[in-house]
């Protein structure tokens, strides 16, 4: 068991500690903050630019303006996926640079520098074909994942913004009709699908557009008589 003097000494030493001193230790420490609190996954590679990544996160949050915890989680994933997509061209350049260094000696006998460069690039394409294909495959997967995340966020936002509007529309209809809301009386229900389509169709169109859309929606919603 530690004595009181040992405890005091440990406290004093902790106050003087400035963290890791070696380059490796400082690098590891700086990237600890990049493990997102939402997933616990390390997003950045040691060579990545921390400030650039944080800017991507800030841009995503400014663009989508998430409110709920679930929305914030999705937007964080959007930013992380965008960051990985931005990394693809850098990785492709790295494959080219590595391949050219590896095959430079194979073409030393060619005196023409332009032809020698073309020969080296040909060898890189041949020897690194799998690496380039993997990067293309990964880029496609990330792009599809990003599209799914954006669609997921839009659904969450629509539920947050439109569902209260649906309930408010039902309440206003019930108040004007002096009876509980019944979708059959109106011809259709104030669903998220209806309000979403109505907002997109009638944006800036005025009252006539609203009436026209509601009539068309009611005709579509009502079953056709046999």
Protein backbone atom coordinates (compact mmCIF):
# COMPACT_ATOMS: atom_id res chain seq x y z
CA UNK A 1 0.00 0.00 0.00
CA UNK A 2 1.35 3.44 -0.95
CA UNK A 3 2.31 5.77 1.85
CA UNK A 4 1.09 9.35 2.00
CA UNK A 5 4.54 10.62 0.97
CA UNK A 6 4.55 8.33 -2.10
CA UNK A 7 1.09 9.53 -3.13
CA UNK A 8 2.20 13.16 -2.82
CA UNK A 9 5.33 12.43 -4.85
CA UNK A 10 3.27 10.80 -7.62
CA UNK A 11 0.97 13.80 -7.74
CA UNK A 12 3.95 16.14 -8.04
CA UNK A 13 5.45 14.08 -10.86
CA UNK A 14 2.13 14.07 -12.71
CA UNK A 15 1.98 17.85 -12.62
CA UNK A 16 5.38 18.06 -14.29
CA UNK A 17 4.53 15.47 -16.98
CA UNK A 18 4.27 16.95 -20.49
CA UNK A 19 3.05 13.78 -22.18
CA UNK A 20 4.97 11.65 -24.67
CA UNK A 21 8.29 13.14 -25.78
CA UNK A 22 9.29 10.89 -28.68
CA UNK A 23 7.94 11.58 -32.20
CA UNK A 24 6.24 8.17 -32.20
CA UNK A 25 4.62 8.82 -28.85
CA UNK A 26 3.41 12.28 -29.84
CA UNK A 27 1.97 10.92 -33.08
CA UNK A 28 0.08 8.18 -31.25
CA UNK A 29 -1.17 10.66 -28.67
CA UNK A 30 -2.39 13.10 -31.31
CA UNK A 31 -4.38 10.36 -33.04
CA UNK A 32 -6.08 9.23 -29.84
CA UNK A 33 -8.44 12.16 -30.23
CA UNK A 34 -9.35 10.94 -33.69
CA UNK A 35 -11.10 7.85 -32.40
CA UNK A 36 -14.64 9.09 -32.66
CA UNK A 37 -16.71 8.93 -29.52
CA UNK A 38 -19.51 7.40 -31.55
CA UNK A 39 -17.69 4.38 -32.95
CA UNK A 40 -14.33 4.11 -31.20
CA UNK A 41 -12.69 3.48 -34.59
CA UNK A 42 -9.48 5.18 -35.66
CA UNK A 43 -10.31 7.13 -38.79
CA UNK A 44 -6.95 8.63 -39.74
CA UNK A 45 -3.74 7.07 -40.90
CA UNK A 46 -0.50 8.35 -39.34
CA UNK A 47 0.22 10.30 -42.52
CA UNK A 48 -3.20 11.96 -42.68
CA UNK A 49 -3.77 15.66 -42.04
CA UNK A 50 -5.71 16.06 -38.78
CA UNK A 51 -6.81 19.62 -39.56
CA UNK A 52 -8.08 18.64 -43.01
CA UNK A 53 -10.10 15.77 -41.53
CA UNK A 54 -11.66 18.01 -38.87
CA UNK A 55 -12.57 20.49 -41.61
CA UNK A 56 -14.40 17.73 -43.52
CA UNK A 57 -16.32 16.87 -40.34
CA UNK A 58 -17.19 20.54 -39.78
CA UNK A 59 -18.39 20.94 -43.39
CA UNK A 60 -20.61 17.84 -43.10
CA UNK A 61 -22.17 19.09 -39.87
CA UNK A 62 -22.73 22.54 -41.36
CA UNK A 63 -24.31 21.06 -44.48
CA UNK A 64 -26.65 18.56 -42.81
CA UNK A 65 -27.17 20.24 -39.40
CA UNK A 66 -28.01 17.08 -37.43
CA UNK A 67 -30.08 17.46 -34.26
CA UNK A 68 -30.73 14.08 -32.66
CA UNK A 69 -27.99 11.72 -31.49
CA UNK A 70 -28.89 9.31 -34.31
CA UNK A 71 -28.60 12.07 -36.91
CA UNK A 72 -25.22 13.12 -35.50
CA UNK A 73 -24.01 9.52 -35.73
CA UNK A 74 -25.04 9.29 -39.39
CA UNK A 75 -23.43 12.63 -40.26
CA UNK A 76 -20.20 11.55 -38.57
CA UNK A 77 -20.25 8.41 -40.74
CA UNK A 78 -20.88 10.57 -43.81
CA UNK A 79 -17.82 12.68 -43.01
CA UNK A 80 -15.67 9.61 -42.36
CA UNK A 81 -16.73 8.04 -45.66
CA UNK A 82 -16.05 11.26 -47.56
CA UNK A 83 -12.60 11.36 -45.98
CA UNK A 84 -11.85 7.83 -47.12
CA UNK A 85 -13.01 8.69 -50.63
CA UNK A 86 -10.68 11.69 -50.68
CA UNK A 87 -7.83 9.38 -49.70
CA UNK A 88 -8.20 7.19 -52.83
CA UNK A 89 -6.33 9.50 -55.26
CA UNK A 90 -3.47 9.85 -52.77
CA UNK A 91 -3.19 6.08 -52.45
CA UNK A 92 -3.21 5.72 -56.25
CA UNK A 93 -0.34 8.22 -56.46
CA UNK A 94 1.50 6.25 -53.81
CA UNK A 95 1.13 3.03 -55.83
CA UNK A 96 2.50 4.79 -58.92
CA UNK A 97 5.45 6.26 -57.00
CA UNK A 98 6.31 2.91 -55.42
CA UNK A 99 6.01 1.05 -58.71
CA UNK A 100 8.21 3.54 -60.58
CA UNK A 101 10.88 3.25 -57.91
CA UNK A 102 10.75 -0.53 -58.07
CA UNK A 103 10.99 -0.72 -61.87
CA UNK A 104 13.40 2.14 -62.55
CA UNK A 105 16.37 -0.21 -62.74
CA UNK A 106 14.55 -2.52 -65.18
CA UNK A 107 14.64 0.14 -67.91
CA UNK A 108 18.05 1.68 -67.36
CA UNK A 109 19.29 0.37 -70.72
CA UNK A 110 16.85 2.58 -72.66
CA UNK A 111 18.67 5.85 -73.56
CA UNK A 112 15.55 7.86 -74.49
CA UNK A 113 14.17 9.34 -71.21
CA UNK A 114 10.61 9.72 -72.52
CA UNK A 115 10.51 6.15 -73.82
CA UNK A 116 12.11 4.93 -70.58
CA UNK A 117 9.39 6.66 -68.55
CA UNK A 118 6.68 5.04 -70.69
CA UNK A 119 8.28 1.62 -70.27
CA UNK A 120 8.42 2.06 -66.49
CA UNK A 121 4.75 3.10 -66.38
CA UNK A 122 3.86 0.04 -68.45
CA UNK A 123 5.63 -2.19 -65.96
CA UNK A 124 3.87 -0.46 -63.06
CA UNK A 125 0.47 -1.00 -64.66
CA UNK A 126 1.27 -4.65 -65.21
CA UNK A 127 2.75 -5.38 -61.78
CA UNK A 128 0.35 -3.21 -59.73
CA UNK A 129 -2.84 -4.10 -61.57
CA UNK A 130 -4.28 -5.82 -58.50
CA UNK A 131 -3.55 -2.79 -56.31
CA UNK A 132 -5.25 -0.41 -58.75
CA UNK A 133 -8.24 -2.75 -59.07
CA UNK A 134 -8.59 -2.98 -55.30
CA UNK A 135 -8.59 0.81 -54.99
CA UNK A 136 -11.27 1.10 -57.69
CA UNK A 137 -13.36 -1.55 -55.95
CA UNK A 138 -12.98 0.17 -52.61
CA UNK A 139 -13.92 3.53 -54.13
CA UNK A 140 -17.13 2.05 -55.53
CA UNK A 141 -18.04 0.50 -52.19
CA UNK A 142 -17.40 3.75 -50.34
CA UNK A 143 -19.47 5.73 -52.85
CA UNK A 144 -22.42 3.34 -52.47
CA UNK A 145 -22.06 3.44 -48.69
CA UNK A 146 -22.05 7.25 -48.78
CA UNK A 147 -25.24 7.31 -50.86
CA UNK A 148 -26.95 5.00 -48.35
CA UNK A 149 -25.86 7.17 -45.43
CA UNK A 150 -27.19 10.32 -47.10
CA UNK A 151 -30.50 8.61 -47.84
CA UNK A 152 -30.68 7.41 -44.24
CA UNK A 153 -30.08 10.91 -42.91
CA UNK A 154 -32.74 12.39 -45.19
CA UNK A 155 -35.26 9.86 -43.89
CA UNK A 156 -34.41 10.77 -40.31
CA UNK A 157 -34.72 14.48 -41.10
CA UNK A 158 -38.04 13.98 -42.86
CA UNK A 159 -39.41 12.08 -39.86
CA UNK A 160 -38.27 14.91 -37.59
CA UNK A 161 -39.64 17.71 -39.76
CA UNK A 162 -42.65 16.20 -41.51
CA UNK A 163 -44.21 13.90 -38.91
CA UNK A 164 -45.09 16.83 -36.60
CA UNK A 165 -46.54 18.58 -39.66
CA UNK A 166 -48.73 15.55 -40.38
CA UNK A 167 -50.06 15.56 -36.83
CA UNK A 168 -50.64 19.30 -36.96
CA UNK A 169 -52.51 18.96 -40.28
CA UNK A 170 -54.73 16.26 -38.77
CA UNK A 171 -55.45 18.45 -35.77
CA UNK A 172 -56.33 21.47 -37.95
CA UNK A 173 -58.64 19.35 -40.10
CA UNK A 174 -60.34 17.91 -37.04
CA UNK A 175 -60.81 21.41 -35.60
CA UNK A 176 -62.31 22.79 -38.81
CA UNK A 177 -64.62 19.80 -39.22
CA UNK A 178 -65.55 19.74 -35.51
CA UNK A 179 -64.99 16.00 -35.35
CA UNK A 180 -62.08 13.57 -34.96
CA UNK A 181 -59.84 13.19 -37.99
CA UNK A 182 -60.79 10.33 -40.27
CA UNK A 183 -58.65 9.71 -43.37
CA UNK A 184 -61.70 8.34 -45.19
CA UNK A 185 -63.46 11.71 -44.89
CA UNK A 186 -60.55 13.50 -46.51
CA UNK A 187 -59.76 10.87 -49.09
CA UNK A 188 -56.28 10.00 -47.86
CA UNK A 189 -54.10 10.12 -44.76
CA UNK A 190 -51.62 12.86 -43.89
CA UNK A 191 -48.70 10.47 -44.17
CA UNK A 192 -45.00 11.31 -44.36
CA UNK A 193 -45.03 10.15 -47.98
CA UNK A 194 -47.90 12.52 -48.82
CA UNK A 195 -46.45 15.55 -47.04
CA UNK A 196 -43.01 14.93 -48.49
CA UNK A 197 -44.35 14.74 -52.05
CA UNK A 198 -46.64 17.73 -51.42
CA UNK A 199 -43.76 19.86 -50.21
CA UNK A 200 -41.62 19.03 -53.25
CA UNK A 201 -44.44 19.53 -55.76
CA UNK A 202 -45.96 22.72 -54.40
CA UNK A 203 -42.85 24.57 -53.29
CA UNK A 204 -43.46 28.18 -54.28
CA UNK A 205 -46.60 27.23 -56.24
CA UNK A 206 -49.20 28.93 -54.06
CA UNK A 207 -52.71 27.80 -53.12
CA UNK A 208 -53.64 26.59 -56.62
CA UNK A 209 -50.73 24.17 -56.64
CA UNK A 210 -51.74 22.84 -53.21
CA UNK A 211 -55.33 22.22 -54.30
CA UNK A 212 -54.23 20.65 -57.58
CA UNK A 213 -51.81 18.31 -55.81
CA UNK A 214 -54.34 17.26 -53.14
CA UNK A 215 -56.94 16.40 -55.77
CA UNK A 216 -54.44 14.36 -57.77
CA UNK A 217 -53.23 12.57 -54.65
CA UNK A 218 -56.79 11.76 -53.56
CA UNK A 219 -57.62 10.35 -57.00
CA UNK A 220 -54.49 8.21 -56.85
CA UNK A 221 -55.20 7.02 -53.31
CA UNK A 222 -58.84 6.06 -53.82
CA UNK A 223 -59.40 2.54 -55.25
CA UNK A 224 -60.75 2.39 -58.78
CA UNK A 225 -64.35 1.25 -58.96
CA UNK A 226 -64.80 -2.16 -60.53
